[in-house]
Amino acid sequence: MHVSTQLVQTLKALFSSQRLAILATEGKEQPYGNLVVFAATRSTRKYANLSGAPRAAMVIDSRTNHESDFHKAIAATATGIVKEVEDPEKEPLLRLYLSKHPYLKDFVSSPTCALLRMNVETYYVVRQFQNVMELHIKE
């Protein structure tokens, strides 16, 4: 199996198994990190940061906070540009989001909530705490 094919399969498995991520944005003074469920609300610092500087990084990992993480955990950092999702793209992405997070229906339906999408340019995948691979996304 080709390395990038294996990496894509690893990423798909990681993304489907995890519900939370860390989103890093850049504000006027410094970087800022948040625990997110792949959504941002307009009234938060992360939304304001993304409005002013749309480049961001999101980290999704499989850690369990046990010693075994040094050998078993996988972490993927996605870097790219974040934009608010507009119609007609919004409905299918909202269905996808709610299929993974049905308990957030009221949250995502709020008028103060924005559905954001990261157009990923590169994934950095770390295994066994030091084995790093890159996957560049071509449009």
Foldseek 3Di string as FASTA:
>chain_A
DDPVVVVVVVVVVQVLVDQWKWKWFADPPGIDIDIDRQWDFCPDPVNVRCVVPFWIKIKGKDDDPDPCCLAAMKIKIFIAGKDFDDPPVPVVVVVVSCVSVVVCVVVCPDPRITRMDGPTQKMWMDHSNHDIDMDGDDD
